[in-house]
């Protein structure tokens, strides 16, 4: 694997940042954005950046302009989409198929923009199916409308939508047992935190291996 690098990309929503974790012989790029409550330091994003390059997938960890600017609150969804669109040419620059991904709010962005941007597939980590305690405010239409092969990786105890709450659809779903919205598992769980993270990375490695 080659050295991690980072670059600032100007978008209509402000300057965004891509941190590249390149594979030596890449066949795909996996671009993953963060959620509304955190950045690319999230355990699942860091784990994917550590594991995927060894399987021929370059990982691009994307920081939205609001994070780069040091703001605490994420902007409206349409502004997140503007930032993602502005980054896309840099993600596609290596000339490889790009899997569009993200966690939580970032997963919603990936689903909403996949067809328009020509994404090869979508990786939705902790897809926020609904606000906690508000199942009637479903965002299933965004997921079902991704229009490309889609993998959802969901914590078994995610208050934004447990795996059994998801509708039937043409997406794959992998459950992280006992995981919350950040894939944290309680100490009393039958699975350790490291094992929970391995469930995520193993699932994504297998899935990207199945993509043409």
C-alpha atoms as a PDB file:
ATOM      1  CA  UNK A   1       0.000   0.000   0.000  1.00  0.00           C
ATOM      2  CA  UNK A   2       1.155   3.483  -0.751  1.00  0.00           C
ATOM      3  CA  UNK A   3       1.151   6.503   1.496  1.00  0.00           C
ATOM      4  CA  UNK A   4      -1.974   8.287   2.671  1.00  0.00           C
ATOM      5  CA  UNK A   5      -2.386  11.773   1.185  1.00  0.00           C
ATOM      6  CA  UNK A   6      -4.949  14.502   1.612  1.00  0.00           C
ATOM      7  CA  UNK A   7      -6.201  17.250  -0.693  1.00  0.00           C
ATOM      8  CA  UNK A   8      -8.569  20.199  -0.466  1.00  0.00           C
ATOM      9  CA  UNK A   9     -11.267  20.363  -3.144  1.00  0.00           C
ATOM     10  CA  UNK A  10     -13.263  23.524  -3.763  1.00  0.00           C
ATOM     11  CA  UNK A  11     -17.034  23.018  -4.087  1.00  0.00           C
ATOM     12  CA  UNK A  12     -20.013  25.358  -4.315  1.00  0.00           C
ATOM     13  CA  UNK A  13     -20.642  24.586  -0.632  1.00  0.00           C
ATOM     14  CA  UNK A  14     -17.069  25.506   0.367  1.00  0.00           C
ATOM     15  CA  UNK A  15     -13.759  23.668   0.589  1.00  0.00           C
ATOM     16  CA  UNK A  16     -13.984  19.928   1.218  1.00  0.00           C
ATOM     17  CA  UNK A  17     -11.154  17.503   2.020  1.00  0.00           C
ATOM     18  CA  UNK A  18     -10.353  14.046   0.673  1.00  0.00           C
ATOM     19  CA  UNK A  19      -7.921  11.809   2.563  1.00  0.00           C
ATOM     20  CA  UNK A  20      -6.748   9.047   0.252  1.00  0.00           C
ATOM     21  CA  UNK A  21      -5.766   5.579   1.442  1.00  0.00           C
ATOM     22  CA  UNK A  22      -4.600   4.149  -1.893  1.00  0.00           C
ATOM     23  CA  UNK A  23      -4.317   0.511  -2.887  1.00  0.00           C
ATOM     24  CA  UNK A  24      -1.176  -0.487  -4.754  1.00  0.00           C
ATOM     25  CA  UNK A  25      -3.147  -2.060  -7.611  1.00  0.00           C
ATOM     26  CA  UNK A  26      -6.573  -0.489  -7.242  1.00  0.00           C
ATOM     27  CA  UNK A  27      -9.573  -1.736  -9.179  1.00  0.00           C
ATOM     28  CA  UNK A  28     -12.152   0.394  -7.355  1.00  0.00           C
ATOM     29  CA  UNK A  29     -12.400   3.591  -5.345  1.00  0.00           C
ATOM     30  CA  UNK A  30     -14.599   3.554  -2.230  1.00  0.00           C
ATOM     31  CA  UNK A  31     -15.529   7.110  -1.283  1.00  0.00           C
ATOM     32  CA  UNK A  32     -17.083   7.427   2.168  1.00  0.00           C
ATOM     33  CA  UNK A  33     -18.492  10.508   3.833  1.00  0.00           C
ATOM     34  CA  UNK A  34     -19.116  11.054   7.551  1.00  0.00           C
ATOM     35  CA  UNK A  35     -22.343  11.655   9.451  1.00  0.00           C
ATOM     36  CA  UNK A  36     -23.900  14.818  10.816  1.00  0.00           C
ATOM     37  CA  UNK A  37     -22.485  14.298  14.292  1.00  0.00           C
ATOM     38  CA  UNK A  38     -18.861  13.431  13.590  1.00  0.00           C
ATOM     39  CA  UNK A  39     -16.054  13.203  11.090  1.00  0.00           C
ATOM     40  CA  UNK A  40     -13.839  10.665   9.372  1.00  0.00           C
ATOM     41  CA  UNK A  41     -12.439   9.523  12.729  1.00  0.00           C
ATOM     42  CA  UNK A  42     -15.520   7.256  13.071  1.00  0.00           C
ATOM     43  CA  UNK A  43     -14.489   3.671  13.889  1.00  0.00           C
ATOM     44  CA  UNK A  44     -16.114   2.148  10.802  1.00  0.00           C
ATOM     45  CA  UNK A  45     -14.574   4.631   8.368  1.00  0.00           C
ATOM     46  CA  UNK A  46     -11.104   4.226   9.869  1.00  0.00           C
ATOM     47  CA  UNK A  47     -11.420   0.430   9.803  1.00  0.00           C
ATOM     48  CA  UNK A  48     -12.393   0.426   6.128  1.00  0.00           C
ATOM     49  CA  UNK A  49      -9.481   2.744   5.295  1.00  0.00           C
ATOM     50  CA  UNK A  50      -7.151   0.325   7.059  1.00  0.00           C
ATOM     51  CA  UNK A  51      -8.442  -2.896   5.494  1.00  0.00           C
ATOM     52  CA  UNK A  52      -9.795  -2.218   1.990  1.00  0.00           C
ATOM     53  CA  UNK A  53      -6.554  -1.070   0.296  1.00  0.00           C
ATOM     54  CA  UNK A  54      -5.164  -4.549   0.940  1.00  0.00           C
ATOM     55  CA  UNK A  55      -8.011  -5.896  -1.212  1.00  0.00           C
ATOM     56  CA  UNK A  56      -7.465  -3.682  -4.256  1.00  0.00           C
ATOM     57  CA  UNK A  57      -9.786  -0.868  -3.189  1.00  0.00           C
ATOM     58  CA  UNK A  58      -8.510   2.674  -2.690  1.00  0.00           C
ATOM     59  CA  UNK A  59     -10.451   4.406   0.090  1.00  0.00           C
ATOM     60  CA  UNK A  60     -11.225   8.119  -0.057  1.00  0.00           C
ATOM     61  CA  UNK A  61     -12.391   9.513   3.289  1.00  0.00           C
ATOM     62  CA  UNK A  62     -14.405  12.627   2.505  1.00  0.00           C
ATOM     63  CA  UNK A  63     -14.900  15.583   4.847  1.00  0.00           C
ATOM     64  CA  UNK A  64     -17.781  17.842   3.930  1.00  0.00           C
ATOM     65  CA  UNK A  65     -17.144  21.616   3.778  1.00  0.00           C
ATOM     66  CA  UNK A  66     -18.927  22.293   7.075  1.00  0.00           C
ATOM     67  CA  UNK A  67     -16.461  19.994   8.877  1.00  0.00           C
ATOM     68  CA  UNK A  68     -13.441  21.466   7.117  1.00  0.00           C
ATOM     69  CA  UNK A  69     -14.662  24.936   8.158  1.00  0.00           C
ATOM     70  CA  UNK A  70     -14.826  23.793  11.797  1.00  0.00           C
ATOM     71  CA  UNK A  71     -18.580  24.168  12.156  1.00  0.00           C
ATOM     72  CA  UNK A  72     -20.459  22.071  14.711  1.00  0.00           C
ATOM     73  CA  UNK A  73     -23.751  21.613  12.885  1.00  0.00           C
ATOM     74  CA  UNK A  74     -24.330  19.993   9.506  1.00  0.00           C
ATOM     75  CA  UNK A  75     -26.220  22.044   6.897  1.00  0.00           C
ATOM     76  CA  UNK A  76     -29.407  21.003   5.091  1.00  0.00           C
ATOM     77  CA  UNK A  77     -29.357  17.777   3.052  1.00  0.00           C
ATOM     78  CA  UNK A  78     -29.373  19.648  -0.265  1.00  0.00           C
ATOM     79  CA  UNK A  79     -26.181  21.495   0.790  1.00  0.00           C
ATOM     80  CA  UNK A  80     -24.525  18.167   1.638  1.00  0.00           C
ATOM     81  CA  UNK A  81     -25.458  16.957  -1.851  1.00  0.00           C
ATOM     82  CA  UNK A  82     -23.860  20.082  -3.378  1.00  0.00           C
ATOM     83  CA  UNK A  83     -20.613  19.351  -1.547  1.00  0.00           C
ATOM     84  CA  UNK A  84     -20.629  15.689  -2.647  1.00  0.00           C
ATOM     85  CA  UNK A  85     -21.282  16.642  -6.293  1.00  0.00           C
ATOM     86  CA  UNK A  86     -18.389  19.097  -6.192  1.00  0.00           C
ATOM     87  CA  UNK A  87     -16.030  16.402  -4.921  1.00  0.00           C
ATOM     88  CA  UNK A  88     -17.004  13.776  -7.450  1.00  0.00           C
ATOM     89  CA  UNK A  89     -14.607  14.750 -10.284  1.00  0.00           C
ATOM     90  CA  UNK A  90     -11.666  14.314  -7.870  1.00  0.00           C
ATOM     91  CA  UNK A  91     -13.003  10.926  -6.746  1.00  0.00           C
ATOM     92  CA  UNK A  92     -13.381   9.809 -10.375  1.00  0.00           C
ATOM     93  CA  UNK A  93      -9.970  11.179 -11.417  1.00  0.00           C
ATOM     94  CA  UNK A  94      -8.126   7.842 -10.992  1.00  0.00           C
ATOM     95  CA  UNK A  95     -10.315   6.492 -13.811  1.00  0.00           C
ATOM     96  CA  UNK A  96     -11.748   3.651 -11.730  1.00  0.00           C
ATOM     97  CA  UNK A  97     -15.343   2.773 -10.830  1.00  0.00           C
ATOM     98  CA  UNK A  98     -16.360   4.725  -7.726  1.00  0.00           C
ATOM     99  CA  UNK A  99     -18.482   3.204  -4.974  1.00  0.00           C
ATOM    100  CA  UNK A 100     -20.324   6.060  -3.273  1.00  0.00           C
ATOM    101  CA  UNK A 101     -20.639   5.578   0.463  1.00  0.00           C
ATOM    102  CA  UNK A 102     -21.121   7.189   3.794  1.00  0.00           C
ATOM    103  CA  UNK A 103     -22.295   6.760   7.347  1.00  0.00           C
ATOM    104  CA  UNK A 104     -25.649   8.084   8.570  1.00  0.00           C
ATOM    105  CA  UNK A 105     -26.295  11.459   6.838  1.00  0.00           C
ATOM    106  CA  UNK A 106     -23.441  10.598   4.462  1.00  0.00           C
ATOM    107  CA  UNK A 107     -25.241   7.381   3.486  1.00  0.00           C
ATOM    108  CA  UNK A 108     -28.319   9.417   2.588  1.00  0.00           C
ATOM    109  CA  UNK A 109     -26.194  11.692   0.371  1.00  0.00           C
ATOM    110  CA  UNK A 110     -24.718   8.659  -1.400  1.00  0.00           C
ATOM    111  CA  UNK A 111     -28.175   7.196  -2.064  1.00  0.00           C
ATOM    112  CA  UNK A 112     -29.666  10.476  -3.313  1.00  0.00           C
ATOM    113  CA  UNK A 113     -26.859  11.225  -5.782  1.00  0.00           C
ATOM    114  CA  UNK A 114     -25.707   7.773  -6.971  1.00  0.00           C
ATOM    115  CA  UNK A 115     -27.460   7.603 -10.342  1.00  0.00           C
ATOM    116  CA  UNK A 116     -26.835  11.253 -11.197  1.00  0.00           C
ATOM    117  CA  UNK A 117     -23.090  10.960 -10.506  1.00  0.00           C
ATOM    118  CA  UNK A 118     -22.620   7.558 -12.108  1.00  0.00           C
ATOM    119  CA  UNK A 119     -21.660   5.680  -8.931  1.00  0.00           C
ATOM    120  CA  UNK A 120     -20.930   1.986  -9.430  1.00  0.00           C
ATOM    121  CA  UNK A 121     -22.667   1.092  -6.169  1.00  0.00           C
ATOM    122  CA  UNK A 122     -23.620   2.518  -2.758  1.00  0.00           C
ATOM    123  CA  UNK A 123     -22.339   1.570   0.694  1.00  0.00           C
ATOM    124  CA  UNK A 124     -24.745   2.782   3.390  1.00  0.00           C
ATOM    125  CA  UNK A 125     -23.300   2.541   6.911  1.00  0.00           C
ATOM    126  CA  UNK A 126     -25.816   3.116   9.724  1.00  0.00           C
ATOM    127  CA  UNK A 127     -28.494   4.337   7.311  1.00  0.00           C
ATOM    128  CA  UNK A 128     -30.803   6.602   9.364  1.00  0.00           C
ATOM    129  CA  UNK A 129     -34.098   5.024   8.358  1.00  0.00           C
ATOM    130  CA  UNK A 130     -35.982   7.395  10.654  1.00  0.00           C
ATOM    131  CA  UNK A 131     -35.268   9.803  13.522  1.00  0.00           C
ATOM    132  CA  UNK A 132     -35.061   7.970  16.885  1.00  0.00           C
ATOM    133  CA  UNK A 133     -38.545   7.211  18.172  1.00  0.00           C
ATOM    134  CA  UNK A 134     -40.201   8.506  14.979  1.00  0.00           C
ATOM    135  CA  UNK A 135     -40.648   5.469  12.710  1.00  0.00           C
ATOM    136  CA  UNK A 136     -43.432   7.257  10.843  1.00  0.00           C
ATOM    137  CA  UNK A 137     -40.853   9.702   9.418  1.00  0.00           C
ATOM    138  CA  UNK A 138     -39.298   7.072   7.159  1.00  0.00           C
ATOM    139  CA  UNK A 139     -36.448   7.800   4.747  1.00  0.00           C
ATOM    140  CA  UNK A 140     -36.775   4.409   3.062  1.00  0.00           C
ATOM    141  CA  UNK A 141     -37.516   6.065  -0.290  1.00  0.00           C
ATOM    142  CA  UNK A 142     -33.971   7.446  -0.432  1.00  0.00           C
ATOM    143  CA  UNK A 143     -32.474   4.006   0.114  1.00  0.00           C
ATOM    144  CA  UNK A 144     -34.861   2.236  -2.260  1.00  0.00           C
ATOM    145  CA  UNK A 145     -34.204   4.910  -4.888  1.00  0.00           C
ATOM    146  CA  UNK A 146     -30.415   4.568  -4.986  1.00  0.00           C
ATOM    147  CA  UNK A 147     -30.695   2.893  -8.391  1.00  0.00           C
ATOM    148  CA  UNK A 148     -27.420   0.950  -8.062  1.00  0.00           C
ATOM    149  CA  UNK A 149     -26.241  -2.145  -6.124  1.00  0.00           C
ATOM    150  CA  UNK A 150     -26.451  -1.142  -2.461  1.00  0.00           C
ATOM    151  CA  UNK A 151     -25.123  -2.630   0.770  1.00  0.00           C
ATOM    152  CA  UNK A 152     -26.533  -1.491   4.118  1.00  0.00           C
ATOM    153  CA  UNK A 153     -24.471  -2.258   7.235  1.00  0.00           C
ATOM    154  CA  UNK A 154     -26.664  -1.639  10.284  1.00  0.00           C
ATOM    155  CA  UNK A 155     -26.233  -2.019  14.020  1.00  0.00           C
ATOM    156  CA  UNK A 156     -28.673  -4.486  15.564  1.00  0.00           C
ATOM    157  CA  UNK A 157     -29.612  -1.877  18.182  1.00  0.00           C
ATOM    158  CA  UNK A 158     -29.525   1.294  16.056  1.00  0.00           C
ATOM    159  CA  UNK A 159     -32.175   3.756  17.322  1.00  0.00           C
ATOM    160  CA  UNK A 160     -32.308   5.288  13.817  1.00  0.00           C
ATOM    161  CA  UNK A 161     -33.587   1.974  12.440  1.00  0.00           C
ATOM    162  CA  UNK A 162     -32.969  -1.624  13.462  1.00  0.00           C
ATOM    163  CA  UNK A 163     -32.340  -4.169  10.685  1.00  0.00           C
ATOM    164  CA  UNK A 164     -35.811  -5.717  11.055  1.00  0.00           C
ATOM    165  CA  UNK A 165     -37.421  -2.311  10.430  1.00  0.00           C
ATOM    166  CA  UNK A 166     -36.011  -2.048   6.911  1.00  0.00           C
ATOM    167  CA  UNK A 167     -38.420  -2.642   4.028  1.00  0.00           C
ATOM    168  CA  UNK A 168     -37.923  -5.332   1.437  1.00  0.00           C
ATOM    169  CA  UNK A 169     -35.903  -4.028  -1.473  1.00  0.00           C
ATOM    170  CA  UNK A 170     -33.107  -4.707  -3.925  1.00  0.00           C
ATOM    171  CA  UNK A 171     -30.346  -3.994  -1.412  1.00  0.00           C
ATOM    172  CA  UNK A 172     -28.206  -6.262   0.747  1.00  0.00           C
ATOM    173  CA  UNK A 173     -28.257  -5.800   4.526  1.00  0.00           C
ATOM    174  CA  UNK A 174     -25.657  -6.973   7.032  1.00  0.00           C
ATOM    175  CA  UNK A 175     -26.365  -6.703  10.756  1.00  0.00           C
ATOM    176  CA  UNK A 176     -23.681  -5.834  13.306  1.00  0.00           C
ATOM    177  CA  UNK A 177     -24.960  -7.655  16.409  1.00  0.00           C
ATOM    178  CA  UNK A 178     -25.750  -5.348  19.368  1.00  0.00           C
ATOM    179  CA  UNK A 179     -24.285  -2.320  17.540  1.00  0.00           C
ATOM    180  CA  UNK A 180     -25.680   1.169  18.075  1.00  0.00           C
ATOM    181  CA  UNK A 181     -25.662   4.004  15.515  1.00  0.00           C
ATOM    182  CA  UNK A 182     -21.864   4.274  15.828  1.00  0.00           C
ATOM    183  CA  UNK A 183     -21.459   0.463  15.865  1.00  0.00           C
ATOM    184  CA  UNK A 184     -20.489   0.565  19.544  1.00  0.00           C
ATOM    185  CA  UNK A 185     -21.416  -2.635  21.377  1.00  0.00           C
ATOM    186  CA  UNK A 186     -22.076  -2.893  25.127  1.00  0.00           C
ATOM    187  CA  UNK A 187     -19.467  -4.618  27.284  1.00  0.00           C
ATOM    188  CA  UNK A 188     -21.953  -7.345  28.208  1.00  0.00           C
ATOM    189  CA  UNK A 189     -22.538  -8.268  24.541  1.00  0.00           C
ATOM    190  CA  UNK A 190     -21.483 -11.662  23.218  1.00  0.00           C
ATOM    191  CA  UNK A 191     -19.347  -9.871  20.629  1.00  0.00           C
ATOM    192  CA  UNK A 192     -16.334  -7.638  21.363  1.00  0.00           C
ATOM    193  CA  UNK A 193     -15.878  -4.189  19.863  1.00  0.00           C
ATOM    194  CA  UNK A 194     -13.065  -5.469  17.644  1.00  0.00           C
ATOM    195  CA  UNK A 195     -15.239  -8.359  16.464  1.00  0.00           C
ATOM    196  CA  UNK A 196     -18.056  -5.939  15.656  1.00  0.00           C
ATOM    197  CA  UNK A 197     -15.724  -3.844  13.501  1.00  0.00           C
ATOM    198  CA  UNK A 198     -14.502  -7.017  11.768  1.00  0.00           C
ATOM    199  CA  UNK A 199     -18.115  -7.858  10.862  1.00  0.00           C
ATOM    200  CA  UNK A 200     -18.218  -4.510   9.016  1.00  0.00           C
ATOM    201  CA  UNK A 201     -14.904  -4.847   7.185  1.00  0.00           C
ATOM    202  CA  UNK A 202     -15.485  -8.508   6.262  1.00  0.00           C
ATOM    203  CA  UNK A 203     -18.924  -7.696   4.858  1.00  0.00           C
ATOM    204  CA  UNK A 204     -17.618  -4.806   2.768  1.00  0.00           C
ATOM    205  CA  UNK A 205     -14.618  -6.785   1.478  1.00  0.00           C
ATOM    206  CA  UNK A 206     -16.933  -9.608   0.380  1.00  0.00           C
ATOM    207  CA  UNK A 207     -19.442  -7.215  -1.202  1.00  0.00           C
ATOM    208  CA  UNK A 208     -16.913  -5.156  -3.177  1.00  0.00           C
ATOM    209  CA  UNK A 209     -15.426  -8.436  -4.370  1.00  0.00           C
ATOM    210  CA  UNK A 210     -18.822  -9.286  -5.876  1.00  0.00           C
ATOM    211  CA  UNK A 211     -19.084  -6.010  -7.825  1.00  0.00           C
ATOM    212  CA  UNK A 212     -18.274  -6.470 -11.529  1.00  0.00           C
END
